[in-house]
Amino acid sequence: MPVVRGTIVALQETGTPGLLTVFRSRRMAVLFLLGFSGGMPSLLTSQTLQAWLSSIGVEPGRIASLNAVGLAYTLKVLWAPLLDRYRLPFLGRRRGWLLALQVASMVAIAAMGTIDPVASPTALFVAACVVAFISASQDVVIDAYSADILAPPERAAGSAMYVLGYRVAVLVTGTVALIMGDHLPWRLVYAAMAALMLVGVVGTLLATEPPAPVNVPRTFEDAIVLPIRDIGRRLGWRGALLITGFAALYRFGDYFAQAMIITFFKQGVGFSLTEIALVNKGLGFAGLAIGGMFAGGLVARFGLRRMLVAFGVMAAFTNLLYMWLALAGHSLPVFCIAIGFDNATTALGTAAFLSVLMSACSPAFSATQFALLTSLSSIGQRVFGPFAYDVVQTAGWAGFFATTAAMAIPGLVIAWRMFAPSPPDP
């Protein structure tokens, strides 16, 4: 008996025909711009914040504890039903929330940059939590919009374009922001990053509102209960367990490593912020672009099951490259190899990963369902990230990355099992 039925299995059968034609659609351009909007705030409360605090000598244990700021990305499922149930009185059910959250994000990011982290650490923590809350809410709506607007054959390509836009924003916040941080006050850095949220506003105004589903939740209780019931009905209890396990574990090791990655580059192997910016984000963009553009085609050519496993193995190997860098020390060639490979595999794996999660969602409940699955995916960094430095202290940097590589194994097993072919009927 097949373990996973319906829309997830159908994803293997639809593929991505006419890949270049799909990429030319207006829908893909909008998803790129929305991806940029989603990516802008994320590093400003994580890696860029790490760089800011590392540059003024804050000790690594305190920096690691700030990963708790991002718990909003894990807890976003708690308020996602509100975004399914209610709509603002302009631009429609999805676009109205997008515009409101993008404007709020601009204000919150600019305000965060005005706080002195030494004189007012608590205020900085609160401001970062506000930015993360707004950003997580925006992610909920962008994910729901993507699931609502993309047909099954477009999902891998659409996910790739979203990831590309997201990673371009990460490139900006992780390259331009870090270089600016070497030469300008951080309040000006955060003000500039806030202004770039206007890119997302443009995407929202260009977007087409998805058709409203007939079975949209009518009460808040329905918005909480019906999404869970819907997944169980369509996938069965085994399928529901597998998709939630896959969401939580497929990228667990990668996210756990991200909790300390900038601190590793800066304090572990001694690169300057400018070196980190130019190599980690600048050179990595080439790998990102290659991975993002090939993700949909590889899934269509070789099948989702094989590609999920292949991309997961490649991501685990990336952590071993960081272990090599830890052993080699301040080695620019090893740094470049690891970063290029990391960005390519991240783009490949994320596009396939998101297309799987997208296929498990229904339009009426896509904000809540996608929020549930993506919040599970972030527990490696958001829930367990504050303990990452404990692993470093126990095993050293090389041991830390060997550990994060091993964390990929459970997710790979689930990915292979989830898409196991159905046996013939008796």
Protein backbone atom coordinates (compact mmCIF):
# COMPACT_ATOMS: atom_id res chain seq x y z
CA MET A 1 0.00 0.00 0.00
CA PRO A 2 1.46 3.41 -0.87
CA VAL A 3 2.45 5.48 2.12
CA VAL A 4 1.88 8.90 0.58
CA ARG A 5 -0.99 9.49 -1.83
CA GLY A 6 -2.55 12.28 -3.84
CA THR A 7 -0.87 15.58 -4.52
CA ILE A 8 2.59 14.64 -3.24
CA VAL A 9 2.85 11.56 -5.42
CA ALA A 10 1.47 13.58 -8.32
CA LEU A 11 4.44 15.89 -8.03
CA GLN A 12 6.68 13.11 -9.29
CA GLU A 13 4.49 12.62 -12.32
CA THR A 14 3.98 16.22 -13.45
CA GLY A 15 7.62 17.24 -13.72
CA THR A 16 8.49 20.63 -15.17
CA PRO A 17 7.96 20.48 -18.93
CA GLY A 18 8.93 23.47 -21.02
CA LEU A 19 11.26 24.76 -18.31
CA LEU A 20 12.48 27.85 -20.16
CA THR A 21 8.91 28.79 -21.10
CA VAL A 22 7.84 28.54 -17.46
CA PHE A 23 10.67 30.82 -16.35
CA ARG A 24 9.56 33.54 -18.78
CA SER A 25 6.14 34.02 -17.18
CA ARG A 26 5.26 37.15 -15.17
CA ARG A 27 4.44 34.89 -12.25
CA MET A 28 8.12 33.91 -11.95
CA ALA A 29 9.24 37.56 -11.93
CA VAL A 30 6.77 38.30 -9.13
CA LEU A 31 8.01 35.31 -7.10
CA PHE A 32 11.58 36.53 -7.55
CA LEU A 33 10.65 39.97 -6.15
CA LEU A 34 8.66 38.45 -3.30
CA GLY A 35 11.56 36.12 -2.56
CA PHE A 36 13.81 39.18 -2.29
CA SER A 37 11.32 40.74 0.12
CA GLY A 38 11.23 37.57 2.21
CA GLY A 39 15.02 37.28 2.33
CA MET A 40 15.82 40.86 3.35
CA PRO A 41 14.88 40.69 7.06
CA SER A 42 16.12 37.14 7.72
CA LEU A 43 19.87 37.76 8.03
CA LEU A 44 19.35 41.09 9.77
CA THR A 45 18.21 39.14 12.84
CA SER A 46 20.70 36.29 12.39
CA GLN A 47 23.99 36.31 10.43
CA THR A 48 24.25 40.08 9.88
CA LEU A 49 23.39 40.58 13.54
CA GLN A 50 26.10 38.03 14.37
CA ALA A 51 28.57 40.09 12.31
CA TRP A 52 27.53 43.32 14.04
CA LEU A 53 27.97 41.84 17.51
CA SER A 54 31.18 39.96 16.61
CA SER A 55 32.71 43.18 15.27
CA ILE A 56 32.26 44.91 18.62
CA GLY A 57 33.61 41.96 20.62
CA VAL A 58 30.47 40.37 22.06
CA GLU A 59 31.40 36.89 23.29
CA PRO A 60 30.24 33.87 21.20
CA GLY A 61 27.98 32.38 23.87
CA ARG A 62 25.83 35.52 23.97
CA ILE A 63 25.73 35.65 20.17
CA ALA A 64 24.57 32.02 20.00
CA SER A 65 21.78 32.73 22.50
CA LEU A 66 20.38 35.38 20.15
CA ASN A 67 19.34 32.63 17.75
CA ALA A 68 16.25 32.42 19.97
CA VAL A 69 15.18 35.68 18.28
CA GLY A 70 14.23 33.61 15.26
CA LEU A 71 11.74 31.45 17.16
CA ALA A 72 9.07 33.47 15.36
CA TYR A 73 9.92 31.46 12.24
CA THR A 74 9.16 28.27 14.15
CA LEU A 75 6.11 29.57 16.01
CA LYS A 76 4.51 31.33 13.02
CA VAL A 77 2.00 28.51 12.70
CA LEU A 78 0.32 29.88 15.86
CA TRP A 79 -0.92 33.02 14.10
CA ALA A 80 -0.97 31.73 10.50
CA PRO A 81 -4.72 30.83 10.81
CA LEU A 82 -5.45 34.55 11.24
CA LEU A 83 -3.90 35.17 7.82
CA ASP A 84 -6.11 32.48 6.29
CA ARG A 85 -9.27 33.62 8.06
CA TYR A 86 -9.07 37.41 7.78
CA ARG A 87 -8.32 39.77 4.91
CA LEU A 88 -7.49 43.46 4.90
CA PRO A 89 -9.80 45.86 3.04
CA PHE A 90 -7.41 46.37 0.10
CA LEU A 91 -5.59 44.32 -2.58
CA GLY A 92 -7.21 40.98 -1.69
CA ARG A 93 -6.70 38.10 0.74
CA ARG A 94 -2.97 37.57 0.09
CA ARG A 95 -1.68 40.84 -1.40
CA GLY A 96 -3.25 43.04 1.28
CA TRP A 97 -1.34 41.30 4.05
CA LEU A 98 1.84 41.35 1.96
CA LEU A 99 1.81 45.11 1.52
CA ALA A 100 1.01 45.81 5.17
CA LEU A 101 3.76 43.51 6.43
CA GLN A 102 6.35 44.88 4.01
CA VAL A 103 5.74 48.46 5.17
CA ALA A 104 5.85 47.36 8.84
CA SER A 105 9.11 45.53 8.17
CA MET A 106 10.73 48.65 6.75
CA VAL A 107 9.91 50.61 9.91
CA ALA A 108 11.03 47.86 12.30
CA ILE A 109 14.37 47.22 10.56
CA ALA A 110 15.26 50.92 10.53
CA ALA A 111 14.35 51.22 14.24
CA MET A 112 16.45 48.16 15.16
CA GLY A 113 19.56 49.75 13.67
CA THR A 114 19.30 52.78 15.99
CA ILE A 115 19.79 50.70 19.17
CA ASP A 116 23.18 50.44 20.92
CA PRO A 117 23.74 46.69 21.56
CA VAL A 118 26.16 47.36 24.44
CA ALA A 119 24.12 49.99 26.26
CA SER A 120 20.70 48.46 25.53
CA PRO A 121 21.02 44.71 24.84
CA THR A 122 17.46 44.01 25.97
CA ALA A 123 16.03 46.66 23.67
CA LEU A 124 18.00 45.21 20.76
CA PHE A 125 16.66 41.76 21.55
CA VAL A 126 13.07 43.02 21.63
CA ALA A 127 13.52 44.96 18.38
CA ALA A 128 15.04 41.91 16.69
CA CYS A 129 12.08 39.81 17.88
CA VAL A 130 9.67 42.34 16.34
CA VAL A 131 11.52 42.24 13.01
CA ALA A 132 11.53 38.44 13.10
CA PHE A 133 7.80 38.33 13.91
CA ILE A 134 6.90 40.58 10.98
CA SER A 135 9.28 38.72 8.68
CA ALA A 136 7.88 35.33 9.68
CA SER A 137 4.36 36.61 9.06
CA GLN A 138 5.40 37.85 5.62
CA ASP A 139 6.90 34.42 4.90
CA VAL A 140 3.56 32.82 5.77
CA VAL A 141 1.74 34.96 3.23
CA ILE A 142 4.39 34.59 0.49
CA ASP A 143 4.37 30.81 0.90
CA ALA A 144 0.58 30.76 0.77
CA TYR A 145 0.57 32.98 -2.31
CA SER A 146 3.07 30.67 -4.06
CA ALA A 147 1.07 27.55 -3.23
CA ASP A 148 -2.14 29.23 -4.42
CA ILE A 149 -0.85 30.70 -7.66
CA LEU A 150 1.42 27.93 -9.06
CA ALA A 151 0.12 24.96 -11.05
CA PRO A 152 1.81 21.60 -10.28
CA PRO A 153 4.14 21.74 -13.34
CA GLU A 154 5.36 25.20 -12.22
CA ARG A 155 6.15 24.38 -8.61
CA ALA A 156 9.82 23.40 -8.90
CA ALA A 157 10.55 26.35 -11.22
CA GLY A 158 8.51 28.75 -9.07
CA SER A 159 10.27 27.57 -5.92
CA ALA A 160 13.62 28.05 -7.68
CA MET A 161 12.74 31.65 -8.60
CA TYR A 162 11.58 32.37 -5.06
CA VAL A 163 14.81 30.90 -3.69
CA LEU A 164 16.85 32.91 -6.20
CA GLY A 165 15.17 36.16 -5.10
CA TYR A 166 15.54 35.20 -1.45
CA ARG A 167 19.22 34.44 -1.87
CA VAL A 168 19.86 37.66 -3.80
CA ALA A 169 18.49 39.48 -0.75
CA VAL A 170 20.73 37.34 1.45
CA LEU A 171 23.62 38.32 -0.83
CA VAL A 172 22.80 41.98 -0.24
CA THR A 173 22.36 41.70 3.54
CA GLY A 174 25.38 39.43 3.82
CA THR A 175 27.71 41.26 1.42
CA VAL A 176 26.78 44.91 1.06
CA ALA A 177 25.69 45.15 4.70
CA LEU A 178 28.93 43.57 5.98
CA ILE A 179 31.13 45.77 3.80
CA MET A 180 29.16 48.83 4.91
CA GLY A 181 29.57 47.63 8.50
CA ASP A 182 33.36 47.90 8.15
CA HIS A 183 33.07 51.58 7.21
CA LEU A 184 29.76 53.04 8.41
CA PRO A 185 27.65 53.10 11.61
CA TRP A 186 25.34 50.12 11.82
CA ARG A 187 22.27 52.41 12.05
CA LEU A 188 22.97 53.56 8.49
CA VAL A 189 23.47 49.95 7.38
CA TYR A 190 20.08 48.91 8.76
CA ALA A 191 18.38 52.03 7.34
CA ALA A 192 19.69 51.15 3.87
CA MET A 193 18.49 47.57 4.22
CA ALA A 194 15.05 48.80 5.31
CA ALA A 195 14.76 50.94 2.19
CA LEU A 196 15.41 47.90 -0.01
CA MET A 197 12.14 46.37 1.19
CA LEU A 198 10.55 48.58 -1.49
CA VAL A 199 11.52 45.82 -3.95
CA GLY A 200 8.94 43.59 -2.27
CA VAL A 201 6.32 46.34 -2.43
CA VAL A 202 6.82 46.47 -6.20
CA GLY A 203 6.39 42.69 -6.38
CA THR A 204 3.16 42.88 -4.40
CA LEU A 205 1.72 45.58 -6.66
CA LEU A 206 2.63 43.59 -9.79
CA ALA A 207 1.24 40.32 -8.42
CA THR A 208 -2.11 38.86 -9.44
CA GLU A 209 -4.41 37.95 -6.57
CA PRO A 210 -5.19 34.19 -6.57
CA PRO A 211 -8.87 33.22 -6.94
CA ALA A 212 -10.59 32.95 -3.59
CA PRO A 213 -11.36 29.28 -2.76
CA VAL A 214 -14.95 28.38 -2.03
CA ASN A 215 -14.12 26.58 1.22
CA VAL A 216 -12.17 29.42 2.87
CA PRO A 217 -12.48 29.25 6.70
CA ARG A 218 -15.51 31.16 7.99
CA THR A 219 -14.56 31.20 11.67
CA PHE A 220 -11.27 31.32 13.57
CA GLU A 221 -11.99 27.84 14.92
CA ASP A 222 -12.31 26.54 11.36
CA ALA A 223 -9.02 28.21 10.46
CA ILE A 224 -7.28 26.21 13.20
CA VAL A 225 -8.99 22.81 12.90
CA LEU A 226 -9.73 22.40 9.19
CA PRO A 227 -6.13 22.67 7.89
CA ILE A 228 -4.98 19.75 10.06
CA ARG A 229 -8.06 17.70 9.22
CA ASP A 230 -7.54 18.41 5.52
CA ILE A 231 -3.96 17.09 5.51
CA GLY A 232 -5.01 13.94 7.33
CA ARG A 233 -7.90 13.36 4.94
CA ARG A 234 -5.85 13.78 1.78
CA LEU A 235 -2.61 12.08 2.83
CA GLY A 236 -3.72 9.58 5.48
CA TRP A 237 -2.08 9.39 8.90
CA ARG A 238 1.09 7.70 7.61
CA GLY A 239 1.49 10.28 4.87
CA ALA A 240 0.88 13.11 7.34
CA LEU A 241 3.54 11.72 9.70
CA LEU A 242 6.02 11.35 6.86
CA ILE A 243 5.51 14.85 5.49
CA THR A 244 5.90 16.41 8.95
CA GLY A 245 8.99 14.30 9.68
CA PHE A 246 10.43 15.24 6.30
CA ALA A 247 9.79 18.94 6.94
CA ALA A 248 11.49 18.82 10.35
CA LEU A 249 14.52 16.68 9.51
CA TYR A 250 15.44 17.09 5.84
CA ARG A 251 17.43 20.31 6.44
CA PHE A 252 17.98 20.00 10.19
CA GLY A 253 21.79 19.79 10.01
CA ASP A 254 22.08 22.73 7.62
CA TYR A 255 19.98 24.97 9.85
CA PHE A 256 21.84 23.89 12.98
CA ALA A 257 25.13 24.83 11.29
CA GLN A 258 23.75 28.25 10.33
CA ALA A 259 23.39 29.11 14.01
CA MET A 260 27.17 29.64 14.25
CA ILE A 261 28.39 29.96 10.66
CA ILE A 262 29.35 33.66 10.66
CA THR A 263 30.91 33.34 14.11
CA PHE A 264 32.94 30.41 12.70
CA PHE A 265 34.14 32.47 9.74
CA LYS A 266 34.99 35.49 11.91
CA GLN A 267 36.27 34.03 15.16
CA GLY A 268 36.88 30.38 14.28
CA VAL A 269 39.11 30.83 11.22
CA GLY A 270 39.81 34.56 11.36
CA PHE A 271 38.34 36.09 8.19
CA SER A 272 37.47 39.80 8.17
CA LEU A 273 33.92 40.96 7.54
CA THR A 274 34.92 42.16 4.07
CA GLU A 275 36.47 38.77 3.22
CA ILE A 276 33.36 37.02 4.49
CA ALA A 277 31.17 39.34 2.45
CA LEU A 278 33.09 38.96 -0.81
CA VAL A 279 33.56 35.19 -0.58
CA ASN A 280 30.62 33.94 1.48
CA LYS A 281 28.05 36.03 -0.36
CA GLY A 282 29.71 37.30 -3.53
CA LEU A 283 31.35 34.13 -4.86
CA GLY A 284 28.51 32.07 -3.47
CA PHE A 285 26.03 33.83 -5.73
CA ALA A 286 27.45 32.00 -8.76
CA GLY A 287 26.71 28.68 -7.08
CA LEU A 288 23.31 29.94 -6.03
CA ALA A 289 22.35 31.01 -9.55
CA ILE A 290 23.49 27.72 -11.05
CA GLY A 291 21.68 25.65 -8.44
CA GLY A 292 18.50 27.71 -8.65
CA MET A 293 18.22 27.51 -12.41
CA PHE A 294 18.95 23.78 -12.63
CA ALA A 295 16.73 22.61 -9.76
CA GLY A 296 13.48 22.34 -11.70
CA GLY A 297 15.14 20.66 -14.71
CA LEU A 298 16.96 18.06 -12.60
CA VAL A 299 13.78 17.13 -10.75
CA ALA A 300 11.93 16.79 -14.07
CA ARG A 301 14.71 14.70 -15.62
CA PHE A 302 15.60 12.33 -12.79
CA GLY A 303 12.52 12.36 -10.53
CA LEU A 304 11.85 13.98 -7.18
CA ARG A 305 12.78 10.98 -5.05
CA ARG A 306 16.29 10.58 -6.43
CA MET A 307 16.95 14.32 -6.51
CA LEU A 308 15.81 14.89 -2.91
CA VAL A 309 18.27 12.26 -1.75
CA ALA A 310 21.05 13.52 -4.03
CA PHE A 311 20.57 17.12 -2.92
CA GLY A 312 20.50 16.02 0.74
CA VAL A 313 23.76 14.09 0.37
CA MET A 314 25.35 17.11 -1.30
CA ALA A 315 24.23 19.34 1.58
CA ALA A 316 25.77 16.95 4.10
CA PHE A 317 29.01 16.97 2.08
CA THR A 318 29.01 20.78 2.33
CA ASN A 319 29.28 20.47 6.11
CA LEU A 320 32.29 18.22 5.62
CA LEU A 321 33.86 20.95 3.48
CA TYR A 322 33.42 23.34 6.41
CA MET A 323 35.08 20.72 8.62
CA TRP A 324 37.98 20.78 6.13
CA LEU A 325 38.11 24.59 6.47
CA ALA A 326 38.17 24.28 10.26
CA LEU A 327 41.14 21.94 10.02
CA ALA A 328 42.90 24.03 7.35
CA GLY A 329 42.46 27.32 9.21
CA HIS A 330 42.57 30.66 7.40
CA SER A 331 42.65 29.18 3.88
CA LEU A 332 41.05 31.31 1.18
CA PRO A 333 40.99 28.52 -1.47
CA VAL A 334 39.21 26.09 0.88
CA PHE A 335 36.81 28.86 1.92
CA CYS A 336 35.95 29.54 -1.74
CA ILE A 337 35.37 25.85 -2.52
CA ALA A 338 33.13 25.35 0.50
CA ILE A 339 31.09 28.51 -0.13
CA GLY A 340 30.52 27.86 -3.83
CA PHE A 341 29.40 24.28 -3.20
CA ASP A 342 27.25 25.32 -0.24
CA ASN A 343 25.29 27.91 -2.21
CA ALA A 344 24.70 25.60 -5.18
CA THR A 345 23.44 22.72 -3.03
CA THR A 346 21.30 25.07 -0.91
CA ALA A 347 19.53 26.38 -4.01
CA LEU A 348 19.00 22.88 -5.40
CA GLY A 349 17.78 21.37 -2.17
CA THR A 350 15.56 24.27 -1.14
CA ALA A 351 13.71 24.38 -4.48
CA ALA A 352 12.92 20.66 -4.32
CA PHE A 353 12.10 20.86 -0.60
CA LEU A 354 9.64 23.73 -1.02
CA SER A 355 7.94 22.08 -4.00
CA VAL A 356 7.23 19.05 -1.79
CA LEU A 357 5.75 21.20 0.98
CA MET A 358 3.73 23.20 -1.55
CA SER A 359 2.19 20.04 -2.93
CA ALA A 360 0.85 19.14 0.52
CA CYS A 361 -1.20 22.37 0.82
CA SER A 362 -4.79 23.20 -0.14
CA PRO A 363 -5.61 26.76 -1.35
CA ALA A 364 -8.18 27.35 1.38
CA PHE A 365 -5.65 26.67 4.15
CA SER A 366 -2.28 27.20 2.46
CA ALA A 367 -1.07 29.88 4.90
CA THR A 368 -1.60 27.63 7.93
CA GLN A 369 -0.46 24.39 6.30
CA PHE A 370 2.68 25.85 4.75
CA ALA A 371 3.47 27.71 7.99
CA LEU A 372 3.18 24.47 9.94
CA LEU A 373 5.56 22.62 7.63
CA THR A 374 8.12 25.40 7.21
CA SER A 375 8.13 26.18 10.93
CA LEU A 376 9.06 22.56 11.54
CA SER A 377 11.91 22.94 9.05
CA SER A 378 13.51 25.74 11.08
CA ILE A 379 13.78 23.97 14.43
CA GLY A 380 17.42 23.06 13.74
CA GLN A 381 18.40 26.72 14.04
CA ARG A 382 15.57 28.36 15.94
CA VAL A 383 15.00 25.77 18.69
CA PHE A 384 18.35 23.96 18.90
CA GLY A 385 20.57 26.80 17.61
CA PRO A 386 21.20 28.27 21.09
CA PHE A 387 22.94 24.99 21.97
CA ALA A 388 25.24 25.07 18.93
CA TYR A 389 28.12 26.70 20.78
CA ASP A 390 27.95 23.96 23.41
CA VAL A 391 28.76 21.46 20.64
CA VAL A 392 31.64 23.68 19.47
CA GLN A 393 33.05 23.84 23.00
CA THR A 394 32.80 20.07 23.36
CA ALA A 395 33.94 18.88 19.92
CA GLY A 396 35.70 21.90 18.38
CA TRP A 397 34.76 23.48 15.08
CA ALA A 398 35.72 20.41 13.03
CA GLY A 399 33.65 18.16 15.28
CA PHE A 400 30.75 20.58 15.10
CA PHE A 401 30.56 20.32 11.31
CA ALA A 402 31.03 16.54 11.37
CA THR A 403 28.00 16.46 13.69
CA THR A 404 25.89 18.66 11.40
CA ALA A 405 26.78 16.43 8.44
CA ALA A 406 25.57 13.34 10.34
CA MET A 407 22.29 15.13 11.15
CA ALA A 408 21.30 14.78 7.48
CA ILE A 409 20.82 11.02 7.69
CA PRO A 410 17.30 10.82 9.24
CA GLY A 411 15.90 13.30 6.70
CA LEU A 412 17.42 11.36 3.79
CA VAL A 413 15.85 8.13 5.01
CA ILE A 414 12.42 9.78 5.27
CA ALA A 415 12.75 11.38 1.80
CA TRP A 416 13.53 7.98 0.25
CA ARG A 417 10.74 6.23 2.14
CA MET A 418 8.13 8.93 1.50
CA PHE A 419 8.39 8.59 -2.26
CA ALA A 420 8.74 4.82 -2.39
CA PRO A 421 6.85 3.48 -5.44
CA SER A 422 3.52 1.86 -4.75
CA PRO A 423 3.42 -1.95 -5.01
CA PRO A 424 1.11 -3.35 -7.69
CA ASP A 425 -2.45 -3.99 -6.62
CA PRO A 426 -3.10 -7.68 -5.76
